[in-house]
C-alpha cells in the first residue's frame, strides 16, 4: 500500500467550503476543527484509529494540513495507528 498516492487536494475539497491552495489559511478555506477531524478519519481509513488531535493547534495552512494528513496516512499504512 506504500505505493498508493493519496490526492489530498481531492479529500480536502470534500470538506472545504471555499477554494484554496497550499498557502490558504484553514479558516479561509472553511475548514474548522470538526471538518479537520473528519478529514483525519477519512485518511486514517480506520474508524478505530487514534488521531492526535492536539496537533490541530499547529495547523495553520492547507500545506500544514497536508503534511499532517500525510503523516497520518503513513502511520495508518504501517498499521501503527
N, C-alpha and C. Protein backbone atom coordinates (compact mmCIF):
# COMPACT_ATOMS: atom_id res chain seq x y z
N UNK A 1 0.83 -1.19 0.00
CA UNK A 1 0.00 0.00 0.00
C UNK A 1 0.87 1.25 0.00
N UNK A 2 2.16 1.10 0.25
CA UNK A 2 3.04 2.26 0.30
C UNK A 2 3.20 2.92 -1.06
N UNK A 3 2.83 2.22 -2.15
CA UNK A 3 2.92 2.80 -3.48
C UNK A 3 1.70 3.66 -3.82
N UNK A 4 0.71 3.67 -2.95
CA UNK A 4 -0.51 4.42 -3.17
C UNK A 4 -0.24 5.91 -3.00
N UNK A 5 -0.67 6.69 -3.97
CA UNK A 5 -0.54 8.14 -3.89
C UNK A 5 -1.90 8.70 -3.51
N UNK A 6 -1.92 9.43 -2.43
CA UNK A 6 -3.17 9.99 -1.92
C UNK A 6 -3.32 11.41 -2.47
N UNK A 7 -4.48 11.69 -3.05
CA UNK A 7 -4.77 13.02 -3.56
C UNK A 7 -5.41 13.83 -2.44
N UNK A 8 -4.56 14.47 -1.64
CA UNK A 8 -5.06 15.23 -0.50
C UNK A 8 -5.92 16.41 -0.93
N UNK A 9 -5.64 17.01 -2.08
CA UNK A 9 -6.48 18.11 -2.56
C UNK A 9 -7.92 17.65 -2.75
N UNK A 10 -8.09 16.47 -3.33
CA UNK A 10 -9.44 15.94 -3.56
C UNK A 10 -10.15 15.65 -2.24
N UNK A 11 -9.42 15.11 -1.29
CA UNK A 11 -10.02 14.80 0.01
C UNK A 11 -10.39 16.09 0.73
N UNK A 12 -9.49 17.07 0.73
CA UNK A 12 -9.75 18.34 1.41
C UNK A 12 -10.92 19.07 0.75
N UNK A 13 -11.03 18.98 -0.57
CA UNK A 13 -12.12 19.65 -1.29
C UNK A 13 -13.48 19.18 -0.80
N UNK A 14 -13.60 17.94 -0.38
CA UNK A 14 -14.89 17.43 0.12
C UNK A 14 -15.35 18.16 1.38
N UNK A 15 -14.41 18.73 2.12
CA UNK A 15 -14.74 19.37 3.40
C UNK A 15 -14.60 20.89 3.36
N UNK A 16 -13.80 21.41 2.45
CA UNK A 16 -13.60 22.86 2.36
C UNK A 16 -14.85 23.51 1.77
N UNK A 17 -15.15 24.70 2.26
CA UNK A 17 -16.32 25.41 1.74
C UNK A 17 -15.91 26.55 0.80
N UNK A 18 -14.61 26.79 0.70
CA UNK A 18 -14.10 27.82 -0.19
C UNK A 18 -12.90 27.26 -0.96
N UNK A 19 -12.54 27.92 -2.06
CA UNK A 19 -11.38 27.47 -2.82
C UNK A 19 -10.12 27.70 -1.99
N UNK A 20 -9.08 26.94 -2.31
CA UNK A 20 -7.86 27.01 -1.52
C UNK A 20 -6.65 26.61 -2.37
N UNK A 21 -5.48 27.00 -1.87
CA UNK A 21 -4.22 26.46 -2.36
C UNK A 21 -3.39 26.17 -1.11
N UNK A 22 -2.16 25.76 -1.28
CA UNK A 22 -1.36 25.36 -0.13
C UNK A 22 -1.15 26.48 0.89
N UNK A 23 -1.14 27.72 0.44
CA UNK A 23 -0.88 28.84 1.36
C UNK A 23 -2.14 29.38 2.04
N UNK A 24 -3.30 28.85 1.69
CA UNK A 24 -4.56 29.33 2.25
C UNK A 24 -4.67 28.94 3.73
N UNK A 25 -4.96 29.91 4.60
CA UNK A 25 -5.25 29.58 6.00
C UNK A 25 -6.47 28.65 6.08
N UNK A 26 -6.44 27.73 7.01
CA UNK A 26 -7.51 26.74 7.11
C UNK A 26 -8.89 27.38 7.26
N UNK A 27 -9.00 28.39 8.09
CA UNK A 27 -10.31 29.03 8.27
C UNK A 27 -10.78 29.72 7.00
N UNK A 28 -9.86 30.25 6.20
CA UNK A 28 -10.23 30.88 4.93
C UNK A 28 -10.73 29.85 3.92
N UNK A 29 -10.32 28.61 4.10
CA UNK A 29 -10.81 27.53 3.24
C UNK A 29 -12.11 26.95 3.77
N UNK A 30 -12.53 27.43 4.95
CA UNK A 30 -13.76 26.93 5.55
C UNK A 30 -13.57 25.63 6.31
N UNK A 31 -12.33 25.38 6.72
CA UNK A 31 -12.02 24.14 7.44
C UNK A 31 -11.88 24.43 8.93
N UNK A 32 -12.87 23.99 9.68
CA UNK A 32 -12.84 24.16 11.13
C UNK A 32 -12.51 22.82 11.78
N UNK A 33 -12.42 22.79 13.09
CA UNK A 33 -11.92 21.61 13.80
C UNK A 33 -12.70 20.33 13.50
N UNK A 34 -14.01 20.39 13.42
CA UNK A 34 -14.78 19.18 13.14
C UNK A 34 -14.47 18.64 11.75
N UNK A 35 -14.37 19.53 10.78
CA UNK A 35 -14.02 19.10 9.42
C UNK A 35 -12.63 18.49 9.39
N UNK A 36 -11.70 19.06 10.15
CA UNK A 36 -10.34 18.52 10.20
C UNK A 36 -10.32 17.12 10.79
N UNK A 37 -11.12 16.90 11.82
CA UNK A 37 -11.19 15.56 12.41
C UNK A 37 -11.82 14.56 11.44
N UNK A 38 -12.83 14.98 10.73
CA UNK A 38 -13.45 14.10 9.73
C UNK A 38 -12.46 13.76 8.62
N UNK A 39 -11.68 14.75 8.20
CA UNK A 39 -10.62 14.51 7.21
C UNK A 39 -9.64 13.47 7.73
N UNK A 40 -9.23 13.62 8.97
CA UNK A 40 -8.27 12.69 9.57
C UNK A 40 -8.81 11.27 9.59
N UNK A 41 -10.08 11.13 9.94
CA UNK A 41 -10.70 9.80 9.96
C UNK A 41 -10.73 9.21 8.55
N UNK A 42 -11.05 10.03 7.56
CA UNK A 42 -11.05 9.56 6.17
C UNK A 42 -9.67 9.07 5.75
N UNK A 43 -8.65 9.83 6.08
CA UNK A 43 -7.29 9.48 5.67
C UNK A 43 -6.77 8.28 6.45
N UNK A 44 -7.09 8.21 7.74
CA UNK A 44 -6.64 7.08 8.55
C UNK A 44 -7.25 5.78 8.04
N UNK A 45 -8.47 5.87 7.51
CA UNK A 45 -9.11 4.69 6.93
C UNK A 45 -9.59 3.67 7.92
N UNK A 46 -9.54 3.99 9.20
CA UNK A 46 -9.96 3.06 10.23
C UNK A 46 -10.70 3.85 11.30
N UNK A 47 -11.96 3.52 11.52
CA UNK A 47 -12.76 4.26 12.49
C UNK A 47 -12.19 4.16 13.90
N UNK A 48 -11.38 3.13 14.18
CA UNK A 48 -10.80 2.95 15.50
C UNK A 48 -9.40 3.53 15.62
N UNK A 49 -8.92 4.19 14.58
CA UNK A 49 -7.57 4.76 14.60
C UNK A 49 -7.48 5.86 15.64
N UNK A 50 -6.34 5.92 16.32
CA UNK A 50 -6.10 7.00 17.27
C UNK A 50 -5.53 8.19 16.51
N UNK A 51 -6.18 9.32 16.66
CA UNK A 51 -5.77 10.54 15.96
C UNK A 51 -5.33 11.55 17.00
N UNK A 52 -4.11 12.05 16.84
CA UNK A 52 -3.56 13.02 17.77
C UNK A 52 -4.14 14.40 17.45
N UNK A 53 -5.28 14.69 18.03
CA UNK A 53 -5.98 15.95 17.76
C UNK A 53 -5.25 17.14 18.35
N UNK A 54 -4.30 16.91 19.25
CA UNK A 54 -3.56 18.03 19.82
C UNK A 54 -2.70 18.72 18.76
N UNK A 55 -2.37 18.01 17.70
CA UNK A 55 -1.58 18.62 16.62
C UNK A 55 -2.39 19.61 15.79
N UNK A 56 -3.70 19.59 15.94
CA UNK A 56 -4.54 20.52 15.18
C UNK A 56 -4.18 21.98 15.47
N UNK A 57 -3.74 22.28 16.67
CA UNK A 57 -3.41 23.67 17.00
C UNK A 57 -2.18 24.16 16.24
N UNK A 58 -1.38 23.23 15.74
CA UNK A 58 -0.18 23.60 14.97
C UNK A 58 -0.46 23.78 13.49
N UNK A 59 -1.67 23.47 13.07
CA UNK A 59 -2.03 23.56 11.66
C UNK A 59 -2.61 24.93 11.36
N UNK A 60 -1.98 25.63 10.42
CA UNK A 60 -2.46 26.97 10.09
C UNK A 60 -2.86 27.10 8.62
N UNK A 61 -2.19 26.38 7.75
CA UNK A 61 -2.46 26.47 6.31
C UNK A 61 -2.83 25.11 5.75
N UNK A 62 -3.30 25.12 4.53
CA UNK A 62 -3.63 23.86 3.85
C UNK A 62 -2.36 23.01 3.70
N UNK A 63 -1.22 23.62 3.47
CA UNK A 63 0.03 22.87 3.38
C UNK A 63 0.34 22.15 4.70
N UNK A 64 0.14 22.84 5.83
CA UNK A 64 0.33 22.20 7.13
C UNK A 64 -0.60 21.00 7.28
N UNK A 65 -1.84 21.18 6.86
CA UNK A 65 -2.82 20.09 6.93
C UNK A 65 -2.39 18.91 6.09
N UNK A 66 -1.91 19.17 4.89
CA UNK A 66 -1.47 18.08 4.01
C UNK A 66 -0.32 17.30 4.62
N UNK A 67 0.62 18.00 5.25
CA UNK A 67 1.74 17.31 5.91
C UNK A 67 1.24 16.42 7.05
N UNK A 68 0.31 16.95 7.82
CA UNK A 68 -0.26 16.18 8.93
C UNK A 68 -1.01 14.95 8.42
N UNK A 69 -1.80 15.14 7.36
CA UNK A 69 -2.54 14.03 6.78
C UNK A 69 -1.59 12.99 6.19
N UNK A 70 -0.50 13.43 5.57
CA UNK A 70 0.48 12.50 5.01
C UNK A 70 1.11 11.66 6.12
N UNK A 71 1.44 12.31 7.25
CA UNK A 71 1.98 11.57 8.40
C UNK A 71 0.96 10.56 8.92
N UNK A 72 -0.28 10.99 8.99
CA UNK A 72 -1.35 10.11 9.47
C UNK A 72 -1.55 8.94 8.54
N UNK A 73 -1.54 9.19 7.24
CA UNK A 73 -1.71 8.12 6.24
C UNK A 73 -0.55 7.14 6.32
N UNK A 74 0.66 7.64 6.47
CA UNK A 74 1.83 6.76 6.55
C UNK A 74 1.77 5.89 7.80
N UNK A 75 1.35 6.46 8.90
CA UNK A 75 1.22 5.70 10.15
C UNK A 75 0.16 4.64 10.00
N UNK A 76 -0.94 4.99 9.35
CA UNK A 76 -2.03 4.03 9.14
C UNK A 76 -1.62 2.89 8.24
N UNK A 77 -0.80 3.16 7.24
CA UNK A 77 -0.35 2.12 6.33
C UNK A 77 0.59 1.16 7.01
N UNK A 78 1.34 1.65 8.00
CA UNK A 78 2.25 0.78 8.74
C UNK A 78 1.52 -0.06 9.77
N UNK A 79 0.24 0.29 9.99
CA UNK A 79 -0.54 -0.43 10.98
C UNK A 79 -0.24 0.00 12.40
N UNK A 80 0.44 1.11 12.56
CA UNK A 80 0.86 1.57 13.88
C UNK A 80 -0.02 2.66 14.42
N UNK A 81 -1.23 2.78 13.96
CA UNK A 81 -2.11 3.85 14.41
C UNK A 81 -2.74 3.51 15.73
